[in-house]
Amino acid sequence: MKKRVLSGLFALALLATAGFGVNKSMKSNADLSDLALSNVEALAQGESGGGSTCSVKITCLDGAEISCSGTSCRYTRDESHTIGYVCCDDNYTYCQG
């Protein structure tokens, strides 16, 4: 009899723990970073090649931000952060200072 009661209590504790874990995971919000959201958006657009876009943004030495969007994007900044540019679809935008 004692063994049966202990087994029942163990099973009840196990079910309560599992239920709490499931409840907690269902309530948690999916906090995704901007990078993860960008990846999800890119995957949702498919791989057809048409209409795919990218964007880049850098902060210049004077604190100004420059950015662009297009189908082909890149950026550069030298080690001292004095020279920088963004380039989308072969259109360059340079830092002013």
N, C-alpha and C. Protein backbone atom coordinates (compact mmCIF):
# COMPACT_ATOMS: atom_id res chain seq x y z
N MET A 1 0.81 -1.18 0.00
CA MET A 1 0.00 0.00 0.00
C MET A 1 0.87 1.26 0.00
N LYS A 2 1.91 1.26 0.83
CA LYS A 2 2.81 2.41 0.92
C LYS A 2 3.52 2.65 -0.42
N LYS A 3 3.90 1.56 -1.07
CA LYS A 3 4.59 1.66 -2.36
C LYS A 3 3.66 2.26 -3.42
N ARG A 4 2.39 1.90 -3.38
CA ARG A 4 1.43 2.39 -4.35
C ARG A 4 1.17 3.89 -4.15
N VAL A 5 1.11 4.36 -2.92
CA VAL A 5 0.89 5.77 -2.63
C VAL A 5 2.11 6.59 -3.08
N LEU A 6 3.31 6.10 -2.79
CA LEU A 6 4.52 6.80 -3.22
C LEU A 6 4.62 6.85 -4.75
N SER A 7 4.25 5.78 -5.42
CA SER A 7 4.27 5.77 -6.89
C SER A 7 3.27 6.79 -7.44
N GLY A 8 2.09 6.86 -6.83
CA GLY A 8 1.08 7.82 -7.25
C GLY A 8 1.55 9.25 -7.05
N LEU A 9 2.17 9.53 -5.91
CA LEU A 9 2.69 10.88 -5.64
C LEU A 9 3.80 11.25 -6.62
N PHE A 10 4.67 10.29 -6.94
CA PHE A 10 5.74 10.54 -7.91
C PHE A 10 5.16 10.85 -9.29
N ALA A 11 4.16 10.06 -9.71
CA ALA A 11 3.53 10.29 -11.01
C ALA A 11 2.84 11.65 -11.03
N LEU A 12 2.19 12.02 -9.95
CA LEU A 12 1.52 13.32 -9.88
C LEU A 12 2.52 14.47 -9.96
N ALA A 13 3.65 14.32 -9.23
CA ALA A 13 4.69 15.35 -9.27
C ALA A 13 5.28 15.47 -10.68
N LEU A 14 5.48 14.35 -11.35
CA LEU A 14 6.03 14.34 -12.71
C LEU A 14 5.07 15.02 -13.67
N LEU A 15 3.78 14.72 -13.57
CA LEU A 15 2.80 15.36 -14.44
C LEU A 15 2.69 16.86 -14.17
N ALA A 16 2.75 17.26 -12.89
CA ALA A 16 2.68 18.68 -12.57
C ALA A 16 3.88 19.43 -13.13
N THR A 17 5.07 18.83 -13.02
CA THR A 17 6.27 19.46 -13.56
C THR A 17 6.19 19.59 -15.07
N ALA A 18 5.75 18.53 -15.74
CA ALA A 18 5.62 18.58 -17.20
C ALA A 18 4.58 19.62 -17.61
N GLY A 19 3.46 19.67 -16.91
CA GLY A 19 2.42 20.65 -17.23
C GLY A 19 2.90 22.08 -17.04
N PHE A 20 3.67 22.32 -15.98
CA PHE A 20 4.22 23.65 -15.75
C PHE A 20 5.16 24.05 -16.89
N GLY A 21 6.02 23.12 -17.32
CA GLY A 21 6.95 23.40 -18.41
C GLY A 21 6.24 23.72 -19.71
N VAL A 22 5.21 22.97 -20.03
CA VAL A 22 4.45 23.22 -21.25
C VAL A 22 3.74 24.56 -21.16
N ASN A 23 3.14 24.86 -20.02
CA ASN A 23 2.45 26.12 -19.83
C ASN A 23 3.41 27.30 -19.98
N LYS A 24 4.58 27.20 -19.40
CA LYS A 24 5.56 28.28 -19.48
C LYS A 24 6.05 28.49 -20.91
N SER A 25 6.28 27.41 -21.64
CA SER A 25 6.76 27.55 -23.02
C SER A 25 5.68 28.11 -23.93
N MET A 26 4.42 27.85 -23.64
CA MET A 26 3.34 28.39 -24.46
C MET A 26 3.16 29.88 -24.23
N LYS A 27 3.47 30.37 -23.02
CA LYS A 27 3.28 31.78 -22.70
C LYS A 27 4.45 32.65 -23.12
N SER A 28 5.62 32.08 -23.33
CA SER A 28 6.80 32.90 -23.63
C SER A 28 6.69 33.51 -25.01
N ASN A 29 7.12 34.76 -25.12
CA ASN A 29 7.12 35.47 -26.41
C ASN A 29 8.38 35.13 -27.16
N ALA A 30 8.27 35.05 -28.46
CA ALA A 30 9.44 34.78 -29.30
C ALA A 30 10.13 36.12 -29.57
N ASP A 31 11.11 36.46 -28.75
CA ASP A 31 11.85 37.70 -28.93
C ASP A 31 12.97 37.47 -29.93
N LEU A 32 12.75 37.90 -31.17
CA LEU A 32 13.73 37.70 -32.22
C LEU A 32 14.50 38.99 -32.46
N SER A 33 15.78 38.85 -32.71
CA SER A 33 16.59 40.01 -33.01
C SER A 33 16.25 40.54 -34.40
N ASP A 34 16.73 41.74 -34.70
CA ASP A 34 16.49 42.32 -36.03
C ASP A 34 17.09 41.45 -37.12
N LEU A 35 18.26 40.87 -36.83
CA LEU A 35 18.90 40.00 -37.82
C LEU A 35 18.04 38.77 -38.09
N ALA A 36 17.53 38.15 -37.03
CA ALA A 36 16.68 36.98 -37.20
C ALA A 36 15.42 37.33 -37.98
N LEU A 37 14.80 38.47 -37.68
CA LEU A 37 13.61 38.89 -38.41
C LEU A 37 13.92 39.16 -39.88
N SER A 38 15.10 39.73 -40.15
CA SER A 38 15.50 39.97 -41.54
C SER A 38 15.69 38.65 -42.27
N ASN A 39 16.27 37.67 -41.58
CA ASN A 39 16.45 36.36 -42.20
C ASN A 39 15.11 35.69 -42.49
N VAL A 40 14.17 35.80 -41.58
CA VAL A 40 12.84 35.23 -41.80
C VAL A 40 12.17 35.89 -42.99
N GLU A 41 12.30 37.22 -43.06
CA GLU A 41 11.70 37.94 -44.18
C GLU A 41 12.34 37.54 -45.50
N ALA A 42 13.65 37.37 -45.52
CA ALA A 42 14.34 36.97 -46.74
C ALA A 42 13.92 35.57 -47.17
N LEU A 43 13.77 34.67 -46.21
CA LEU A 43 13.34 33.32 -46.55
C LEU A 43 11.90 33.31 -47.06
N ALA A 44 11.07 34.20 -46.55
CA ALA A 44 9.68 34.25 -46.98
C ALA A 44 9.54 34.75 -48.41
N GLN A 45 10.51 35.52 -48.88
CA GLN A 45 10.46 36.05 -50.24
C GLN A 45 10.80 35.00 -51.28
N GLY A 46 11.41 33.91 -50.88
CA GLY A 46 11.74 32.86 -51.83
C GLY A 46 13.06 33.10 -52.51
N GLU A 47 13.40 32.20 -53.42
CA GLU A 47 14.68 32.27 -54.11
C GLU A 47 14.51 32.53 -55.60
N SER A 48 13.44 33.19 -55.98
CA SER A 48 13.18 33.40 -57.40
C SER A 48 14.13 34.42 -58.01
N GLY A 49 14.80 35.22 -57.18
CA GLY A 49 15.74 36.20 -57.69
C GLY A 49 15.08 37.52 -58.04
N GLY A 50 13.83 37.50 -58.39
CA GLY A 50 13.15 38.73 -58.72
C GLY A 50 12.58 39.38 -57.48
N GLY A 51 12.81 40.67 -57.35
CA GLY A 51 12.23 41.40 -56.25
C GLY A 51 12.97 41.26 -54.93
N SER A 52 14.06 40.51 -54.91
CA SER A 52 14.79 40.39 -53.65
C SER A 52 15.55 41.69 -53.39
N THR A 53 15.51 42.13 -52.15
CA THR A 53 16.13 43.40 -51.80
C THR A 53 17.06 43.22 -50.62
N CYS A 54 17.95 44.16 -50.48
CA CYS A 54 18.85 44.20 -49.33
C CYS A 54 18.98 45.66 -48.92
N SER A 55 19.51 45.87 -47.74
CA SER A 55 19.77 47.23 -47.29
C SER A 55 20.99 47.22 -46.38
N VAL A 56 21.72 48.34 -46.38
CA VAL A 56 22.90 48.49 -45.53
C VAL A 56 22.85 49.86 -44.88
N LYS A 57 23.47 49.97 -43.70
CA LYS A 57 23.50 51.24 -42.98
C LYS A 57 24.78 51.27 -42.16
N ILE A 58 25.48 52.42 -42.17
CA ILE A 58 26.64 52.60 -41.30
C ILE A 58 26.53 53.96 -40.62
N THR A 59 27.23 54.10 -39.51
CA THR A 59 27.31 55.36 -38.80
C THR A 59 28.66 55.99 -39.09
N CYS A 60 28.65 57.21 -39.57
CA CYS A 60 29.88 57.92 -39.92
C CYS A 60 30.55 58.48 -38.66
N LEU A 61 31.75 59.01 -38.82
CA LEU A 61 32.51 59.56 -37.72
C LEU A 61 31.78 60.71 -37.05
N ASP A 62 31.05 61.52 -37.81
CA ASP A 62 30.33 62.66 -37.25
C ASP A 62 28.98 62.26 -36.63
N GLY A 63 28.67 60.98 -36.61
CA GLY A 63 27.43 60.49 -36.02
C GLY A 63 26.29 60.34 -37.01
N ALA A 64 26.46 60.85 -38.22
CA ALA A 64 25.41 60.73 -39.23
C ALA A 64 25.34 59.28 -39.71
N GLU A 65 24.14 58.84 -40.02
CA GLU A 65 23.94 57.51 -40.58
C GLU A 65 23.65 57.61 -42.06
N ILE A 66 24.28 56.75 -42.83
CA ILE A 66 23.97 56.67 -44.25
C ILE A 66 23.50 55.27 -44.53
N SER A 67 22.55 55.13 -45.45
CA SER A 67 21.99 53.83 -45.75
C SER A 67 21.48 53.81 -47.18
N CYS A 68 21.23 52.63 -47.67
CA CYS A 68 20.61 52.46 -48.98
C CYS A 68 19.99 51.08 -49.06
N SER A 69 19.14 50.89 -50.07
CA SER A 69 18.49 49.61 -50.33
C SER A 69 18.54 49.33 -51.81
N GLY A 70 18.57 48.08 -52.16
CA GLY A 70 18.59 47.69 -53.56
C GLY A 70 18.64 46.18 -53.71
N THR A 71 19.05 45.72 -54.87
CA THR A 71 19.17 44.29 -55.09
C THR A 71 20.59 43.79 -54.86
N SER A 72 21.56 44.71 -54.81
CA SER A 72 22.96 44.38 -54.55
C SER A 72 23.52 45.43 -53.61
N CYS A 73 23.91 45.02 -52.39
CA CYS A 73 24.33 45.99 -51.38
C CYS A 73 25.70 45.63 -50.80
N ARG A 74 26.46 46.69 -50.47
CA ARG A 74 27.72 46.49 -49.76
C ARG A 74 28.09 47.79 -49.06
N TYR A 75 29.04 47.70 -48.13
CA TYR A 75 29.51 48.89 -47.42
C TYR A 75 30.96 48.68 -47.05
N THR A 76 31.63 49.79 -46.72
CA THR A 76 33.00 49.70 -46.21
C THR A 76 33.23 50.87 -45.28
N ARG A 77 34.20 50.68 -44.42
CA ARG A 77 34.62 51.72 -43.49
C ARG A 77 36.06 51.37 -43.13
N ASP A 78 36.96 52.37 -43.18
CA ASP A 78 38.35 52.07 -42.85
C ASP A 78 38.51 51.92 -41.34
N GLU A 79 39.68 51.50 -40.90
CA GLU A 79 39.90 51.20 -39.49
C GLU A 79 39.70 52.41 -38.58
N SER A 80 40.00 53.61 -39.06
CA SER A 80 39.82 54.81 -38.24
C SER A 80 38.40 55.37 -38.34
N HIS A 81 37.54 54.73 -39.14
CA HIS A 81 36.15 55.14 -39.34
C HIS A 81 36.02 56.54 -39.95
N THR A 82 37.06 57.02 -40.63
CA THR A 82 36.98 58.34 -41.24
C THR A 82 36.45 58.28 -42.66
N ILE A 83 36.65 57.18 -43.33
CA ILE A 83 36.16 57.03 -44.70
C ILE A 83 35.18 55.86 -44.70
N GLY A 84 34.01 56.10 -45.21
CA GLY A 84 33.02 55.03 -45.28
C GLY A 84 32.03 55.31 -46.38
N TYR A 85 31.42 54.25 -46.88
CA TYR A 85 30.37 54.40 -47.87
C TYR A 85 29.44 53.21 -47.84
N VAL A 86 28.25 53.41 -48.36
CA VAL A 86 27.32 52.33 -48.65
C VAL A 86 27.09 52.35 -50.15
N CYS A 87 26.86 51.19 -50.72
CA CYS A 87 26.65 51.08 -52.16
C CYS A 87 25.52 50.09 -52.42
N CYS A 88 24.49 50.55 -53.09
CA CYS A 88 23.38 49.69 -53.50
C CYS A 88 23.16 49.88 -54.98
N ASP A 89 23.18 48.79 -55.71
CA ASP A 89 22.99 48.82 -57.16
C ASP A 89 23.94 49.81 -57.83
N ASP A 90 25.20 49.81 -57.41
CA ASP A 90 26.26 50.65 -57.94
C ASP A 90 26.02 52.15 -57.75
N ASN A 91 25.20 52.52 -56.78
CA ASN A 91 25.01 53.93 -56.40
C ASN A 91 25.68 54.13 -55.04
N TYR A 92 26.74 54.93 -55.00
CA TYR A 92 27.55 55.11 -53.80
C TYR A 92 27.07 56.32 -53.00
N THR A 93 27.06 56.20 -51.68
CA THR A 93 26.83 57.31 -50.77
C THR A 93 27.97 57.31 -49.77
N TYR A 94 28.70 58.40 -49.68
CA TYR A 94 29.89 58.49 -48.83
C TYR A 94 29.60 59.28 -47.56
N CYS A 95 30.35 58.96 -46.50
CA CYS A 95 30.32 59.76 -45.28
C CYS A 95 30.91 61.13 -45.61
N GLN A 96 30.38 62.16 -45.01
CA GLN A 96 30.83 63.52 -45.29
C GLN A 96 32.03 63.94 -44.44
N GLY A 97 32.26 63.28 -43.34
CA GLY A 97 33.38 63.71 -42.51
C GLY A 97 33.87 62.66 -41.60
